[in-house]
Amino acid sequence: VTPGASQGMGFSYAYESYFAVAVEVTVVDDAIQVHRATGVVDCGQVIHPDLVSAQLEGGIIFGQGAGLLNEITVKDGQVQQSNFFDFPMPLMRDAPAIHIEQIESSEAPGGIGELSVGPTAPAIANAVYQATGKRLRSLPLRPSEANAG
């Protein structure tokens, strides 16, 4: 456990698969850092375990980017972002330690495509609430822009 960290959870069901993620987050001077993410997936019978883990790990990082970095702004009717140089994505240094547990099952295989993307930002928001008492209800997550409670 990271000293001073708070935890949050998120959950998704899609493609006949279930996924839950718990994240460990610190908030310092309005900066949110995700230190660890642990996911559990029940996607039926697993055909290729490494592929399942890789897909879910990538989705967590993509969801982290959506939750903390990605923002589209409009000025004078024009979108301000035009490519990756002004639309930040998570870098390797931003990636948390990630662990994926796969539940053994004899059910038909389910999908894992974007299964971990959706619950990641809510899990981070829940951890920020635990750390600050502020509910963040818009993306990107910014503690300074939230109302308490």
C-alpha atoms as a PDB file:
ATOM      1  CA  VAL A   1       0.000   0.000   0.000  1.00  0.00           C
ATOM      2  CA  THR A   2       1.264   3.465  -0.918  1.00  0.00           C
ATOM      3  CA  PRO A   3       1.495   5.716   2.173  1.00  0.00           C
ATOM      4  CA  GLY A   4      -1.340   8.259   2.221  1.00  0.00           C
ATOM      5  CA  ALA A   5      -3.166   6.572  -0.658  1.00  0.00           C
ATOM      6  CA  SER A   6      -6.917   6.137  -0.935  1.00  0.00           C
ATOM      7  CA  GLN A   7      -8.760   3.393  -2.772  1.00  0.00           C
ATOM      8  CA  GLY A   8     -11.708   3.436  -5.128  1.00  0.00           C
ATOM      9  CA  MET A   9     -13.564   0.833  -7.163  1.00  0.00           C
ATOM     10  CA  GLY A  10     -15.426   0.653 -10.446  1.00  0.00           C
ATOM     11  CA  PHE A  11     -17.354  -2.109 -12.199  1.00  0.00           C
ATOM     12  CA  SER A  12     -18.542  -2.960 -15.686  1.00  0.00           C
ATOM     13  CA  TYR A  13     -20.581  -5.610 -17.444  1.00  0.00           C
ATOM     14  CA  ALA A  14     -20.347  -5.853 -21.213  1.00  0.00           C
ATOM     15  CA  TYR A  15     -19.949  -8.499 -23.915  1.00  0.00           C
ATOM     16  CA  GLU A  16     -21.181 -11.185 -21.448  1.00  0.00           C
ATOM     17  CA  SER A  17     -18.190 -10.401 -19.193  1.00  0.00           C
ATOM     18  CA  TYR A  18     -17.797  -8.851 -15.755  1.00  0.00           C
ATOM     19  CA  PHE A  19     -14.896  -6.648 -14.662  1.00  0.00           C
ATOM     20  CA  ALA A  20     -14.127  -4.874 -11.404  1.00  0.00           C
ATOM     21  CA  VAL A  21     -11.152  -2.598 -10.780  1.00  0.00           C
ATOM     22  CA  ALA A  22      -9.737  -1.184  -7.558  1.00  0.00           C
ATOM     23  CA  VAL A  23      -7.270   1.686  -7.768  1.00  0.00           C
ATOM     24  CA  GLU A  24      -4.879   3.237  -5.279  1.00  0.00           C
ATOM     25  CA  VAL A  25      -4.566   7.010  -5.645  1.00  0.00           C
ATOM     26  CA  THR A  26      -2.895   9.952  -3.975  1.00  0.00           C
ATOM     27  CA  VAL A  27      -3.956  13.567  -4.361  1.00  0.00           C
ATOM     28  CA  VAL A  28      -1.280  16.207  -3.748  1.00  0.00           C
ATOM     29  CA  ASP A  29      -1.748  19.876  -4.665  1.00  0.00           C
ATOM     30  CA  ASP A  30      -4.704  19.030  -6.937  1.00  0.00           C
ATOM     31  CA  ALA A  31      -2.617  16.436  -8.810  1.00  0.00           C
ATOM     32  CA  ILE A  32      -4.064  12.920  -8.933  1.00  0.00           C
ATOM     33  CA  GLN A  33      -1.609  10.053  -9.214  1.00  0.00           C
ATOM     34  CA  VAL A  34      -2.718   6.465  -9.740  1.00  0.00           C
ATOM     35  CA  HIS A  35      -0.173   4.147  -8.126  1.00  0.00           C
ATOM     36  CA  ARG A  36      -1.813   0.756  -8.503  1.00  0.00           C
ATOM     37  CA  ALA A  37      -4.759  -0.897 -10.225  1.00  0.00           C
ATOM     38  CA  THR A  38      -6.051  -4.381  -9.551  1.00  0.00           C
ATOM     39  CA  GLY A  39      -8.657  -5.858 -11.846  1.00  0.00           C
ATOM     40  CA  VAL A  40     -10.748  -9.018 -11.627  1.00  0.00           C
ATOM     41  CA  VAL A  41     -12.429 -10.383 -14.725  1.00  0.00           C
ATOM     42  CA  ASP A  42     -14.999 -13.097 -15.320  1.00  0.00           C
ATOM     43  CA  CYS A  43     -15.163 -13.465 -19.075  1.00  0.00           C
ATOM     44  CA  GLY A  44     -16.157 -17.092 -19.235  1.00  0.00           C
ATOM     45  CA  GLN A  45     -13.705 -19.642 -20.549  1.00  0.00           C
ATOM     46  CA  VAL A  46     -10.373 -17.921 -21.223  1.00  0.00           C
ATOM     47  CA  ILE A  47      -8.768 -18.946 -24.498  1.00  0.00           C
ATOM     48  CA  HIS A  48      -5.605 -16.826 -24.269  1.00  0.00           C
ATOM     49  CA  PRO A  49      -4.881 -15.585 -20.709  1.00  0.00           C
ATOM     50  CA  ASP A  50      -2.022 -13.269 -21.692  1.00  0.00           C
ATOM     51  CA  LEU A  51      -4.190 -11.558 -24.309  1.00  0.00           C
ATOM     52  CA  VAL A  52      -6.968 -11.041 -21.751  1.00  0.00           C
ATOM     53  CA  SER A  53      -4.546  -9.444 -19.274  1.00  0.00           C
ATOM     54  CA  ALA A  54      -2.888  -7.279 -21.933  1.00  0.00           C
ATOM     55  CA  GLN A  55      -6.229  -6.017 -23.240  1.00  0.00           C
ATOM     56  CA  LEU A  56      -7.463  -5.157 -19.749  1.00  0.00           C
ATOM     57  CA  GLU A  57      -4.176  -3.497 -18.758  1.00  0.00           C
ATOM     58  CA  GLY A  58      -4.264  -1.312 -21.858  1.00  0.00           C
ATOM     59  CA  GLY A  59      -7.898  -0.421 -21.165  1.00  0.00           C
ATOM     60  CA  ILE A  60      -7.053   0.664 -17.627  1.00  0.00           C
ATOM     61  CA  ILE A  61      -4.335   2.985 -18.918  1.00  0.00           C
ATOM     62  CA  PHE A  62      -6.654   4.334 -21.633  1.00  0.00           C
ATOM     63  CA  GLY A  63      -9.389   4.887 -19.023  1.00  0.00           C
ATOM     64  CA  GLN A  64      -6.862   6.629 -16.794  1.00  0.00           C
ATOM     65  CA  GLY A  65      -6.075   8.992 -19.666  1.00  0.00           C
ATOM     66  CA  ALA A  66      -9.762   9.686 -20.215  1.00  0.00           C
ATOM     67  CA  GLY A  67     -10.197  10.346 -16.524  1.00  0.00           C
ATOM     68  CA  LEU A  68      -7.172  12.528 -15.896  1.00  0.00           C
ATOM     69  CA  LEU A  69      -5.847  14.005 -19.126  1.00  0.00           C
ATOM     70  CA  ASN A  70      -8.160  14.013 -22.115  1.00  0.00           C
ATOM     71  CA  GLU A  71     -10.146  17.150 -22.721  1.00  0.00           C
ATOM     72  CA  ILE A  72     -11.716  18.667 -25.803  1.00  0.00           C
ATOM     73  CA  THR A  73     -12.164  22.426 -25.644  1.00  0.00           C
ATOM     74  CA  VAL A  74     -13.962  24.724 -28.065  1.00  0.00           C
ATOM     75  CA  LYS A  75     -13.094  28.381 -28.604  1.00  0.00           C
ATOM     76  CA  ASP A  76     -14.987  30.616 -31.025  1.00  0.00           C
ATOM     77  CA  GLY A  77     -16.714  27.546 -32.443  1.00  0.00           C
ATOM     78  CA  GLN A  78     -13.441  25.727 -33.170  1.00  0.00           C
ATOM     79  CA  VAL A  79     -12.101  22.614 -31.463  1.00  0.00           C
ATOM     80  CA  GLN A  80      -8.715  23.538 -29.984  1.00  0.00           C
ATOM     81  CA  GLN A  81      -7.115  20.087 -30.073  1.00  0.00           C
ATOM     82  CA  SER A  82      -5.990  18.763 -33.418  1.00  0.00           C
ATOM     83  CA  ASN A  83      -3.598  15.893 -32.688  1.00  0.00           C
ATOM     84  CA  PHE A  84      -1.696  14.129 -29.922  1.00  0.00           C
ATOM     85  CA  PHE A  85       0.688  17.055 -29.338  1.00  0.00           C
ATOM     86  CA  ASP A  86      -2.167  19.038 -27.777  1.00  0.00           C
ATOM     87  CA  PHE A  87      -4.372  16.135 -26.644  1.00  0.00           C
ATOM     88  CA  PRO A  88      -2.300  14.398 -23.966  1.00  0.00           C
ATOM     89  CA  MET A  89      -2.330  10.644 -23.512  1.00  0.00           C
ATOM     90  CA  PRO A  90      -0.785   8.718 -20.604  1.00  0.00           C
ATOM     91  CA  LEU A  91       2.916   8.006 -20.955  1.00  0.00           C
ATOM     92  CA  MET A  92       4.801   5.005 -19.583  1.00  0.00           C
ATOM     93  CA  ARG A  93       5.739   7.033 -16.490  1.00  0.00           C
ATOM     94  CA  ASP A  94       2.017   7.596 -15.819  1.00  0.00           C
ATOM     95  CA  ALA A  95       1.135   3.901 -15.860  1.00  0.00           C
ATOM     96  CA  PRO A  96       0.296   2.400 -12.483  1.00  0.00           C
ATOM     97  CA  ALA A  97       1.354  -1.055 -11.388  1.00  0.00           C
ATOM     98  CA  ILE A  98      -1.425  -3.265 -12.745  1.00  0.00           C
ATOM     99  CA  HIS A  99      -2.468  -6.751 -11.680  1.00  0.00           C
ATOM    100  CA  ILE A 100      -5.255  -8.716 -13.378  1.00  0.00           C
ATOM    101  CA  GLU A 101      -6.935 -11.763 -11.826  1.00  0.00           C
ATOM    102  CA  GLN A 102      -8.917 -14.034 -14.126  1.00  0.00           C
ATOM    103  CA  ILE A 103     -11.743 -16.097 -12.671  1.00  0.00           C
ATOM    104  CA  GLU A 104     -11.749 -19.658 -13.978  1.00  0.00           C
ATOM    105  CA  SER A 105     -14.999 -20.569 -15.669  1.00  0.00           C
ATOM    106  CA  SER A 106     -16.488 -23.156 -17.974  1.00  0.00           C
ATOM    107  CA  GLU A 107     -19.034 -20.656 -19.356  1.00  0.00           C
ATOM    108  CA  ALA A 108     -18.871 -19.619 -23.013  1.00  0.00           C
ATOM    109  CA  PRO A 109     -16.102 -17.092 -23.729  1.00  0.00           C
ATOM    110  CA  GLY A 110     -17.153 -13.470 -23.389  1.00  0.00           C
ATOM    111  CA  GLY A 111     -15.582 -10.349 -24.789  1.00  0.00           C
ATOM    112  CA  ILE A 112     -12.981  -8.114 -23.184  1.00  0.00           C
ATOM    113  CA  GLY A 113     -12.584  -5.373 -25.829  1.00  0.00           C
ATOM    114  CA  GLU A 114     -13.146  -2.141 -23.871  1.00  0.00           C
ATOM    115  CA  LEU A 115     -14.276  -3.832 -20.676  1.00  0.00           C
ATOM    116  CA  SER A 116     -11.743  -2.068 -18.426  1.00  0.00           C
ATOM    117  CA  VAL A 117     -11.939   1.412 -19.982  1.00  0.00           C
ATOM    118  CA  GLY A 118     -15.318   2.409 -18.552  1.00  0.00           C
ATOM    119  CA  PRO A 119     -14.865   1.681 -14.833  1.00  0.00           C
ATOM    120  CA  THR A 120     -11.371   3.147 -14.490  1.00  0.00           C
ATOM    121  CA  ALA A 121     -12.232   6.867 -14.261  1.00  0.00           C
ATOM    122  CA  PRO A 122     -15.114   6.179 -11.812  1.00  0.00           C
ATOM    123  CA  ALA A 123     -12.746   4.111  -9.658  1.00  0.00           C
ATOM    124  CA  ILE A 124     -10.276   7.010  -9.652  1.00  0.00           C
ATOM    125  CA  ALA A 125     -13.086   9.465  -8.812  1.00  0.00           C
ATOM    126  CA  ASN A 126     -14.173   7.226  -5.923  1.00  0.00           C
ATOM    127  CA  ALA A 127     -10.601   7.133  -4.601  1.00  0.00           C
ATOM    128  CA  VAL A 128     -10.358  10.924  -4.867  1.00  0.00           C
ATOM    129  CA  TYR A 129     -13.591  11.194  -2.876  1.00  0.00           C
ATOM    130  CA  GLN A 130     -12.063   9.017  -0.167  1.00  0.00           C
ATOM    131  CA  ALA A 131      -8.959  11.238  -0.142  1.00  0.00           C
ATOM    132  CA  THR A 132     -10.616  14.662  -0.330  1.00  0.00           C
ATOM    133  CA  GLY A 133     -14.337  14.354   0.390  1.00  0.00           C
ATOM    134  CA  LYS A 134     -15.008  15.889  -3.043  1.00  0.00           C
ATOM    135  CA  ARG A 135     -17.245  14.175  -5.598  1.00  0.00           C
ATOM    136  CA  LEU A 136     -15.856  14.673  -9.076  1.00  0.00           C
ATOM    137  CA  ARG A 137     -18.613  14.442 -11.673  1.00  0.00           C
ATOM    138  CA  SER A 138     -16.958  15.587 -14.894  1.00  0.00           C
ATOM    139  CA  LEU A 139     -13.904  14.645 -16.903  1.00  0.00           C
ATOM    140  CA  PRO A 140     -11.064  15.234 -16.739  1.00  0.00           C
ATOM    141  CA  LEU A 141     -11.079  14.809 -12.970  1.00  0.00           C
ATOM    142  CA  ARG A 142      -9.910  17.961 -11.203  1.00  0.00           C
ATOM    143  CA  PRO A 143     -10.319  18.125  -7.392  1.00  0.00           C
ATOM    144  CA  SER A 144     -10.128  21.934  -7.345  1.00  0.00           C
ATOM    145  CA  GLU A 145     -13.260  22.172  -9.523  1.00  0.00           C
ATOM    146  CA  ALA A 146     -15.478  19.900  -7.373  1.00  0.00           C
ATOM    147  CA  ASN A 147     -18.079  20.644  -4.779  1.00  0.00           C
ATOM    148  CA  ALA A 148     -17.579  19.045  -1.370  1.00  0.00           C
ATOM    149  CA  GLY A 149     -19.876  16.104  -0.531  1.00  0.00           C
END
